Amino acid sequence: MAKGTKAKRKTKSKKITLKMAQSCMELTLDGKRRLDLSFKGITAVPKCVQKLFHMDEVDLSRNTIRKIPDFIAQFIKMTVLDLHSNYVSISDNLPVAIGYLQNLKDLNLCNNRLTSLPSELGLLNKLQTLNLGLNQLEALPASIGALEELRHIGLSDNRFTRLPGCLLKLKKLESIKMDRNPIIAEKIPTEKPVSISESFYLVKESFLCKECLNRCQPIKLTRFEKNKNKNTRAKNASKSNFFRVHKLRSSQQKTKCNM
């Protein structure tokens, strides 16, 4: 009995008082008010945190939080919300209220158990960075296409089989991380689907230096020549299409050397 009681105590959520939460407040080098409740062993966001709604940045990462409370909407000044490495699983556990965080620029939901996302994420019109890596997502809500300020999105280690179409609407998007997704190659429907395991980023051509563009050209020609078609039209079409795809993947060289 004693052992059983001990085990239960280990899984019990740690209680955070207002005084404890206030002791976790700090001022960043750029003058932002930051609340750091990471590594606190909590399974829920403490209710006392509501009184600290004036925070600019909130870190709730590396806990076992399963649901984000509705009172998160009170943090209207918040620009950074870090929820990575928790147990948030379904879109219902991300409240509709998250759409009220109109000043949010950086949202980290990496390493949770998400299988879907609420459409209200599309209301975060100042969001610039969205990290959704290490989840179980197969698709993104169409509303993501309304995030006009989004520049970086992380989708690594999920279940995407293709690039989400809503991302094509984002004119300011600079990079998409899709490492370790079961991306399906659909170029040749008669063959078995091929899983692409390589890492790559999608960036605009304008971000590429001359050296990277030069590297892209010979690779395009070499691979194209290996797959010559007898039909001239088919040959020209496949050359154009392949270059467009490969040019995006070759941009990884530029991303790695400059970031």
C-alpha atoms as a PDB file:
ATOM      1  CA  MET A   1       0.000   0.000   0.000  1.00  0.00           C
ATOM      2  CA  ALA A   2       2.806   2.340   0.867  1.00  0.00           C
ATOM      3  CA  LYS A   3       4.414   1.782  -2.536  1.00  0.00           C
ATOM      4  CA  GLY A   4       1.157   2.463  -4.325  1.00  0.00           C
ATOM      5  CA  THR A   5       0.661   5.687  -2.403  1.00  0.00           C
ATOM      6  CA  LYS A   6       4.183   6.743  -3.249  1.00  0.00           C
ATOM      7  CA  ALA A   7       3.590   6.160  -6.956  1.00  0.00           C
ATOM      8  CA  LYS A   8       0.459   8.288  -6.921  1.00  0.00           C
ATOM      9  CA  ARG A   9       2.313  11.150  -5.272  1.00  0.00           C
ATOM     10  CA  LYS A  10       4.901  11.089  -8.033  1.00  0.00           C
ATOM     11  CA  THR A  11       2.307  11.665 -10.756  1.00  0.00           C
ATOM     12  CA  LYS A  12       0.465  14.364  -8.834  1.00  0.00           C
ATOM     13  CA  SER A  13       0.732  17.827 -10.358  1.00  0.00           C
ATOM     14  CA  LYS A  14       2.876  20.320  -8.503  1.00  0.00           C
ATOM     15  CA  LYS A  15       0.901  23.228  -7.080  1.00  0.00           C
ATOM     16  CA  ILE A  16       2.052  26.670  -8.181  1.00  0.00           C
ATOM     17  CA  THR A  17       1.019  29.618  -6.027  1.00  0.00           C
ATOM     18  CA  LEU A  18       0.926  33.235  -7.175  1.00  0.00           C
ATOM     19  CA  LYS A  19       4.020  33.965  -5.115  1.00  0.00           C
ATOM     20  CA  MET A  20       5.887  31.096  -6.761  1.00  0.00           C
ATOM     21  CA  ALA A  21       4.782  32.238 -10.210  1.00  0.00           C
ATOM     22  CA  GLN A  22       5.896  35.803  -9.503  1.00  0.00           C
ATOM     23  CA  SER A  23       9.327  34.513  -8.539  1.00  0.00           C
ATOM     24  CA  CYS A  24       9.557  33.023 -12.045  1.00  0.00           C
ATOM     25  CA  MET A  25       9.144  36.411 -13.689  1.00  0.00           C
ATOM     26  CA  GLU A  26      12.161  37.982 -15.361  1.00  0.00           C
ATOM     27  CA  LEU A  27      13.122  40.819 -17.628  1.00  0.00           C
ATOM     28  CA  THR A  28      14.740  39.902 -20.940  1.00  0.00           C
ATOM     29  CA  LEU A  29      17.703  41.777 -22.418  1.00  0.00           C
ATOM     30  CA  ASP A  30      15.383  43.624 -24.771  1.00  0.00           C
ATOM     31  CA  GLY A  31      13.117  44.732 -21.918  1.00  0.00           C
ATOM     32  CA  LYS A  32      10.353  42.112 -22.311  1.00  0.00           C
ATOM     33  CA  ARG A  33       8.521  40.750 -19.269  1.00  0.00           C
ATOM     34  CA  ARG A  34       8.865  36.986 -19.295  1.00  0.00           C
ATOM     35  CA  LEU A  35       7.171  34.297 -17.210  1.00  0.00           C
ATOM     36  CA  ASP A  36       9.161  31.065 -17.127  1.00  0.00           C
ATOM     37  CA  LEU A  37       7.192  28.094 -15.790  1.00  0.00           C
ATOM     38  CA  SER A  38       9.099  25.439 -17.720  1.00  0.00           C
ATOM     39  CA  PHE A  39      10.201  22.233 -15.951  1.00  0.00           C
ATOM     40  CA  LYS A  40       7.721  22.767 -13.106  1.00  0.00           C
ATOM     41  CA  GLY A  41       6.079  19.324 -13.182  1.00  0.00           C
ATOM     42  CA  ILE A  42       2.605  20.777 -13.735  1.00  0.00           C
ATOM     43  CA  THR A  43      -0.225  18.995 -15.555  1.00  0.00           C
ATOM     44  CA  ALA A  44      -2.396  22.106 -15.902  1.00  0.00           C
ATOM     45  CA  VAL A  45      -1.814  25.829 -16.285  1.00  0.00           C
ATOM     46  CA  PRO A  46      -2.087  27.308 -12.754  1.00  0.00           C
ATOM     47  CA  LYS A  47      -5.156  29.514 -12.282  1.00  0.00           C
ATOM     48  CA  CYS A  48      -3.098  32.096 -10.417  1.00  0.00           C
ATOM     49  CA  VAL A  49      -1.293  32.862 -13.680  1.00  0.00           C
ATOM     50  CA  GLN A  50      -4.371  34.845 -14.759  1.00  0.00           C
ATOM     51  CA  LYS A  51      -3.147  37.701 -12.562  1.00  0.00           C
ATOM     52  CA  LEU A  52       0.043  37.921 -14.603  1.00  0.00           C
ATOM     53  CA  PHE A  53      -1.761  38.733 -17.842  1.00  0.00           C
ATOM     54  CA  HIS A  54       0.600  41.656 -18.548  1.00  0.00           C
ATOM     55  CA  MET A  55       3.453  39.307 -19.535  1.00  0.00           C
ATOM     56  CA  ASP A  56       5.055  39.741 -22.958  1.00  0.00           C
ATOM     57  CA  GLU A  57       6.432  36.186 -23.088  1.00  0.00           C
ATOM     58  CA  VAL A  58       5.171  33.001 -21.426  1.00  0.00           C
ATOM     59  CA  ASP A  59       7.121  29.732 -21.271  1.00  0.00           C
ATOM     60  CA  LEU A  60       5.122  26.679 -20.181  1.00  0.00           C
ATOM     61  CA  SER A  61       7.329  24.159 -21.932  1.00  0.00           C
ATOM     62  CA  ARG A  62       8.593  20.786 -20.664  1.00  0.00           C
ATOM     63  CA  ASN A  63       5.652  19.996 -18.412  1.00  0.00           C
ATOM     64  CA  THR A  64       2.771  17.534 -18.806  1.00  0.00           C
ATOM     65  CA  ILE A  65       0.027  20.060 -19.587  1.00  0.00           C
ATOM     66  CA  ARG A  66      -2.886  18.488 -21.461  1.00  0.00           C
ATOM     67  CA  LYS A  67      -5.160  21.457 -22.021  1.00  0.00           C
ATOM     68  CA  ILE A  68      -4.735  25.212 -22.462  1.00  0.00           C
ATOM     69  CA  PRO A  69      -7.354  27.144 -20.439  1.00  0.00           C
ATOM     70  CA  ASP A  70      -9.686  29.761 -21.893  1.00  0.00           C
ATOM     71  CA  PHE A  71      -8.189  32.485 -19.717  1.00  0.00           C
ATOM     72  CA  ILE A  72      -5.181  32.492 -22.047  1.00  0.00           C
ATOM     73  CA  ALA A  73      -7.201  35.087 -23.990  1.00  0.00           C
ATOM     74  CA  GLN A  74      -6.456  37.618 -21.230  1.00  0.00           C
ATOM     75  CA  PHE A  75      -2.782  37.723 -22.252  1.00  0.00           C
ATOM     76  CA  ILE A  76      -3.439  40.212 -25.018  1.00  0.00           C
ATOM     77  CA  LYS A  77       0.068  41.730 -24.804  1.00  0.00           C
ATOM     78  CA  MET A  78       1.820  38.396 -25.201  1.00  0.00           C
ATOM     79  CA  THR A  79       4.144  38.090 -28.212  1.00  0.00           C
ATOM     80  CA  VAL A  80       5.756  34.706 -27.424  1.00  0.00           C
ATOM     81  CA  LEU A  81       4.000  31.556 -26.179  1.00  0.00           C
ATOM     82  CA  ASP A  82       6.105  28.438 -25.690  1.00  0.00           C
ATOM     83  CA  LEU A  83       4.163  25.223 -25.083  1.00  0.00           C
ATOM     84  CA  HIS A  84       6.590  22.705 -26.504  1.00  0.00           C
ATOM     85  CA  SER A  85       7.102  19.292 -24.889  1.00  0.00           C
ATOM     86  CA  ASN A  86       3.708  18.903 -23.225  1.00  0.00           C
ATOM     87  CA  TYR A  87       0.766  16.495 -23.657  1.00  0.00           C
ATOM     88  CA  VAL A  88      -1.645  18.683 -25.649  1.00  0.00           C
ATOM     89  CA  SER A  89      -3.332  16.182 -27.955  1.00  0.00           C
ATOM     90  CA  ILE A  90      -6.409  17.431 -29.845  1.00  0.00           C
ATOM     91  CA  SER A  91      -7.615  20.766 -31.193  1.00  0.00           C
ATOM     92  CA  ASP A  92     -10.265  20.953 -28.429  1.00  0.00           C
ATOM     93  CA  ASN A  93      -7.398  21.292 -25.958  1.00  0.00           C
ATOM     94  CA  LEU A  94      -6.324  24.470 -27.737  1.00  0.00           C
ATOM     95  CA  PRO A  95      -9.231  26.810 -26.962  1.00  0.00           C
ATOM     96  CA  VAL A  96     -10.980  29.074 -29.442  1.00  0.00           C
ATOM     97  CA  ALA A  97      -9.722  31.861 -27.192  1.00  0.00           C
ATOM     98  CA  ILE A  98      -6.227  31.448 -28.641  1.00  0.00           C
ATOM     99  CA  GLY A  99      -7.454  33.511 -31.575  1.00  0.00           C
ATOM    100  CA  TYR A 100      -7.645  36.569 -29.299  1.00  0.00           C
ATOM    101  CA  LEU A 101      -3.861  36.739 -28.928  1.00  0.00           C
ATOM    102  CA  GLN A 102      -3.585  39.389 -31.600  1.00  0.00           C
ATOM    103  CA  ASN A 103      -0.022  40.403 -30.675  1.00  0.00           C
ATOM    104  CA  LEU A 104       1.394  36.894 -30.745  1.00  0.00           C
ATOM    105  CA  LYS A 105       4.426  36.587 -33.030  1.00  0.00           C
ATOM    106  CA  ASP A 106       5.946  33.278 -31.969  1.00  0.00           C
ATOM    107  CA  LEU A 107       3.956  30.139 -31.099  1.00  0.00           C
ATOM    108  CA  ASN A 108       5.747  26.903 -30.237  1.00  0.00           C
ATOM    109  CA  LEU A 109       3.608  23.755 -30.046  1.00  0.00           C
ATOM    110  CA  CYS A 110       6.419  21.375 -30.898  1.00  0.00           C
ATOM    111  CA  ASN A 111       6.617  17.918 -29.286  1.00  0.00           C
ATOM    112  CA  ASN A 112       3.027  17.517 -28.155  1.00  0.00           C
ATOM    113  CA  ARG A 113       0.446  14.948 -29.287  1.00  0.00           C
ATOM    114  CA  LEU A 114      -1.586  17.077 -31.648  1.00  0.00           C
ATOM    115  CA  THR A 115      -3.608  15.306 -34.331  1.00  0.00           C
ATOM    116  CA  SER A 116      -5.508  18.429 -35.433  1.00  0.00           C
ATOM    117  CA  LEU A 117      -5.498  22.188 -34.962  1.00  0.00           C
ATOM    118  CA  PRO A 118      -8.273  24.723 -34.314  1.00  0.00           C
ATOM    119  CA  SER A 119      -9.172  26.998 -37.222  1.00  0.00           C
ATOM    120  CA  GLU A 120      -8.842  29.967 -34.848  1.00  0.00           C
ATOM    121  CA  LEU A 121      -5.069  29.846 -35.346  1.00  0.00           C
ATOM    122  CA  GLY A 122      -5.768  31.697 -38.570  1.00  0.00           C
ATOM    123  CA  LEU A 123      -6.805  34.754 -36.542  1.00  0.00           C
ATOM    124  CA  LEU A 124      -3.262  35.364 -35.268  1.00  0.00           C
ATOM    125  CA  ASN A 125      -2.576  38.044 -37.848  1.00  0.00           C
ATOM    126  CA  LYS A 126       0.842  39.051 -36.434  1.00  0.00           C
ATOM    127  CA  LEU A 127       2.223  35.522 -36.140  1.00  0.00           C
ATOM    128  CA  GLN A 128       5.650  35.179 -37.737  1.00  0.00           C
ATOM    129  CA  THR A 129       6.907  31.816 -36.450  1.00  0.00           C
ATOM    130  CA  LEU A 130       4.827  28.679 -35.902  1.00  0.00           C
ATOM    131  CA  ASN A 131       6.480  25.467 -34.717  1.00  0.00           C
ATOM    132  CA  LEU A 132       4.349  22.332 -35.005  1.00  0.00           C
ATOM    133  CA  GLY A 133       7.119  19.746 -35.240  1.00  0.00           C
ATOM    134  CA  LEU A 134       7.032  16.384 -33.442  1.00  0.00           C
ATOM    135  CA  ASN A 135       3.262  15.938 -33.439  1.00  0.00           C
ATOM    136  CA  GLN A 136       0.868  13.632 -35.295  1.00  0.00           C
ATOM    137  CA  LEU A 137      -0.558  16.064 -37.825  1.00  0.00           C
ATOM    138  CA  GLU A 138      -1.664  14.949 -41.279  1.00  0.00           C
ATOM    139  CA  ALA A 139      -3.144  18.271 -42.401  1.00  0.00           C
ATOM    140  CA  LEU A 140      -3.379  21.956 -41.526  1.00  0.00           C
ATOM    141  CA  PRO A 141      -6.618  23.949 -41.263  1.00  0.00           C
ATOM    142  CA  ALA A 142      -7.276  26.098 -44.327  1.00  0.00           C
ATOM    143  CA  SER A 143      -7.291  29.169 -42.067  1.00  0.00           C
ATOM    144  CA  ILE A 144      -3.491  28.955 -41.799  1.00  0.00           C
ATOM    145  CA  GLY A 145      -3.483  30.509 -45.264  1.00  0.00           C
ATOM    146  CA  ALA A 146      -4.720  33.750 -43.660  1.00  0.00           C
ATOM    147  CA  LEU A 147      -1.526  34.241 -41.613  1.00  0.00           C
ATOM    148  CA  GLU A 148      -0.160  37.002 -43.822  1.00  0.00           C
ATOM    149  CA  GLU A 149       2.852  37.773 -41.598  1.00  0.00           C
ATOM    150  CA  LEU A 150       4.004  34.151 -41.211  1.00  0.00           C
ATOM    151  CA  ARG A 151       7.645  33.719 -42.195  1.00  0.00           C
ATOM    152  CA  HIS A 152       8.689  30.377 -40.696  1.00  0.00           C
ATOM    153  CA  ILE A 153       6.731  27.198 -40.055  1.00  0.00           C
ATOM    154  CA  GLY A 154       8.043  23.936 -38.621  1.00  0.00           C
ATOM    155  CA  LEU A 155       6.241  20.741 -39.626  1.00  0.00           C
ATOM    156  CA  SER A 156       9.031  18.203 -39.069  1.00  0.00           C
ATOM    157  CA  ASP A 157       8.291  14.738 -37.663  1.00  0.00           C
ATOM    158  CA  ASN A 158       4.578  14.633 -38.442  1.00  0.00           C
ATOM    159  CA  ARG A 159       2.467  12.584 -40.869  1.00  0.00           C
ATOM    160  CA  PHE A 160       2.209  14.878 -43.874  1.00  0.00           C
ATOM    161  CA  THR A 161       2.241  13.103 -47.221  1.00  0.00           C
ATOM    162  CA  ARG A 162       2.339  16.340 -49.210  1.00  0.00           C
ATOM    163  CA  LEU A 163       2.949  20.045 -48.798  1.00  0.00           C
ATOM    164  CA  PRO A 164      -0.187  21.666 -47.289  1.00  0.00           C
ATOM    165  CA  GLY A 165      -1.811  23.759 -50.018  1.00  0.00           C
ATOM    166  CA  CYS A 166      -2.743  26.588 -47.633  1.00  0.00           C
ATOM    167  CA  LEU A 167       0.944  27.486 -47.316  1.00  0.00           C
ATOM    168  CA  LEU A 168       1.079  28.505 -50.968  1.00  0.00           C
ATOM    169  CA  LYS A 169      -1.071  31.531 -50.123  1.00  0.00           C
ATOM    170  CA  LEU A 170       1.505  32.962 -47.716  1.00  0.00           C
ATOM    171  CA  LYS A 171       3.490  35.591 -49.612  1.00  0.00           C
ATOM    172  CA  LYS A 172       5.931  36.383 -46.795  1.00  0.00           C
ATOM    173  CA  LEU A 173       6.746  32.771 -45.983  1.00  0.00           C
ATOM    174  CA  GLU A 174      10.520  32.197 -46.074  1.00  0.00           C
ATOM    175  CA  SER A 175      11.025  28.655 -44.805  1.00  0.00           C
ATOM    176  CA  ILE A 176       9.123  25.414 -44.268  1.00  0.00           C
ATOM    177  CA  LYS A 177      10.745  22.603 -42.306  1.00  0.00           C
ATOM    178  CA  MET A 178       9.305  19.228 -43.275  1.00  0.00           C
ATOM    179  CA  ASP A 179      12.052  16.848 -42.194  1.00  0.00           C
ATOM    180  CA  ARG A 180      11.043  13.236 -41.560  1.00  0.00           C
ATOM    181  CA  ASN A 181       7.518  13.303 -42.986  1.00  0.00           C
ATOM    182  CA  PRO A 182       6.262  10.490 -45.253  1.00  0.00           C
ATOM    183  CA  ILE A 183       6.149  12.796 -48.277  1.00  0.00           C
ATOM    184  CA  ILE A 184       4.828  10.867 -51.270  1.00  0.00           C
ATOM    185  CA  ALA A 185       6.394  11.378 -54.694  1.00  0.00           C
ATOM    186  CA  GLU A 186       3.559  11.440 -57.224  1.00  0.00           C
ATOM    187  CA  LYS A 187       5.538  12.142 -60.387  1.00  0.00           C
ATOM    188  CA  ILE A 188       5.237   8.562 -61.709  1.00  0.00           C
ATOM    189  CA  PRO A 189       1.842   7.103 -60.789  1.00  0.00           C
ATOM    190  CA  THR A 190       2.641   3.686 -62.264  1.00  0.00           C
ATOM    191  CA  GLU A 191       5.436   3.045 -59.766  1.00  0.00           C
ATOM    192  CA  LYS A 192       5.172   2.495 -56.046  1.00  0.00           C
ATOM    193  CA  PRO A 193       4.993   5.682 -53.941  1.00  0.00           C
ATOM    194  CA  VAL A 194       8.421   6.794 -52.789  1.00  0.00           C
ATOM    195  CA  SER A 195       8.939   8.147 -49.270  1.00  0.00           C
ATOM    196  CA  ILE A 196      11.244  11.147 -49.281  1.00  0.00           C
ATOM    197  CA  SER A 197      13.416  11.014 -46.186  1.00  0.00           C
ATOM    198  CA  GLU A 198      15.826  13.865 -46.971  1.00  0.00           C
ATOM    199  CA  SER A 199      15.621  17.177 -45.156  1.00  0.00           C
ATOM    200  CA  PHE A 200      14.742  20.260 -47.140  1.00  0.00           C
ATOM    201  CA  TYR A 201      13.541  23.831 -46.827  1.00  0.00           C
ATOM    202  CA  LEU A 202      11.330  25.818 -49.167  1.00  0.00           C
ATOM    203  CA  VAL A 203      12.539  29.351 -49.701  1.00  0.00           C
ATOM    204  CA  LYS A 204      11.969  32.051 -52.285  1.00  0.00           C
ATOM    205  CA  GLU A 205      14.381  32.233 -55.214  1.00  0.00           C
ATOM    206  CA  SER A 206      15.296  35.793 -54.216  1.00  0.00           C
ATOM    207  CA  PHE A 207      16.903  34.430 -51.030  1.00  0.00           C
ATOM    208  CA  LEU A 208      19.417  32.340 -52.995  1.00  0.00           C
ATOM    209  CA  CYS A 209      22.937  33.567 -53.612  1.00  0.00           C
ATOM    210  CA  LYS A 210      24.536  33.246 -57.066  1.00  0.00           C
ATOM    211  CA  GLU A 211      26.704  30.345 -55.915  1.00  0.00           C
ATOM    212  CA  CYS A 212      23.705  28.267 -54.824  1.00  0.00           C
ATOM    213  CA  LEU A 213      21.840  29.050 -58.045  1.00  0.00           C
ATOM    214  CA  ASN A 214      24.872  27.892 -60.041  1.00  0.00           C
ATOM    215  CA  ARG A 215      24.961  24.642 -58.075  1.00  0.00           C
ATOM    216  CA  CYS A 216      21.319  24.111 -58.828  1.00  0.00           C
ATOM    217  CA  GLN A 217      21.763  24.233 -62.618  1.00  0.00           C
ATOM    218  CA  PRO A 218      24.137  21.267 -63.208  1.00  0.00           C
ATOM    219  CA  ILE A 219      22.208  19.024 -60.817  1.00  0.00           C
ATOM    220  CA  LYS A 220      19.029  19.776 -62.737  1.00  0.00           C
ATOM    221  CA  LEU A 221      20.633  18.890 -66.085  1.00  0.00           C
ATOM    222  CA  THR A 222      22.320  15.736 -64.812  1.00  0.00           C
ATOM    223  CA  ARG A 223      19.199  14.250 -63.295  1.00  0.00           C
ATOM    224  CA  PHE A 224      17.064  15.287 -66.194  1.00  0.00           C
ATOM    225  CA  GLU A 225      19.345  13.633 -68.716  1.00  0.00           C
ATOM    226  CA  LYS A 226      19.152  10.382 -66.771  1.00  0.00           C
ATOM    227  CA  ASN A 227      15.400  10.387 -67.295  1.00  0.00           C
ATOM    228  CA  LYS A 228      15.130  11.332 -70.977  1.00  0.00           C
ATOM    229  CA  ASN A 229      11.825  10.673 -72.628  1.00  0.00           C
ATOM    230  CA  LYS A 230      11.340   9.641 -76.238  1.00  0.00           C
ATOM    231  CA  ASN A 231       8.598  12.171 -76.698  1.00  0.00           C
ATOM    232  CA  THR A 232      10.025  15.707 -77.105  1.00  0.00           C
ATOM    233  CA  ARG A 233       7.057  17.449 -75.510  1.00  0.00           C
ATOM    234  CA  ALA A 234       7.128  15.168 -72.524  1.00  0.00           C
ATOM    235  CA  LYS A 235      10.833  15.754 -72.274  1.00  0.00           C
ATOM    236  CA  ASN A 236      10.525  19.554 -72.175  1.00  0.00           C
ATOM    237  CA  ALA A 237       7.625  19.440 -69.740  1.00  0.00           C
ATOM    238  CA  SER A 238       9.400  17.152 -67.293  1.00  0.00           C
ATOM    239  CA  LYS A 239      12.525  19.323 -67.517  1.00  0.00           C
ATOM    240  CA  SER A 240      10.623  22.451 -66.539  1.00  0.00           C
ATOM    241  CA  ASN A 241       8.665  20.793 -63.751  1.00  0.00           C
ATOM    242  CA  PHE A 242      11.637  19.025 -62.241  1.00  0.00           C
ATOM    243  CA  PHE A 243      13.716  22.172 -62.187  1.00  0.00           C
ATOM    244  CA  ARG A 244      10.993  23.961 -60.302  1.00  0.00           C
ATOM    245  CA  VAL A 245      10.882  21.275 -57.621  1.00  0.00           C
ATOM    246  CA  HIS A 246      14.619  20.742 -57.402  1.00  0.00           C
ATOM    247  CA  LYS A 247      15.354  24.434 -57.247  1.00  0.00           C
ATOM    248  CA  LEU A 248      13.354  24.627 -54.032  1.00  0.00           C
ATOM    249  CA  ARG A 249      15.205  21.706 -52.493  1.00  0.00           C
ATOM    250  CA  SER A 250      18.602  23.046 -53.538  1.00  0.00           C
ATOM    251  CA  SER A 251      17.864  26.174 -51.557  1.00  0.00           C
ATOM    252  CA  GLN A 252      18.688  24.152 -48.447  1.00  0.00           C
ATOM    253  CA  GLN A 253      22.350  24.897 -49.153  1.00  0.00           C
ATOM    254  CA  LYS A 254      21.642  28.590 -48.915  1.00  0.00           C
ATOM    255  CA  THR A 255      19.585  28.161 -45.739  1.00  0.00           C
ATOM    256  CA  LYS A 256      22.284  26.184 -43.969  1.00  0.00           C
ATOM    257  CA  CYS A 257      25.138  28.557 -44.781  1.00  0.00           C
ATOM    258  CA  ASN A 258      23.292  31.772 -43.924  1.00  0.00           C
ATOM    259  CA  MET A 259      21.138  30.887 -40.922  1.00  0.00           C
END
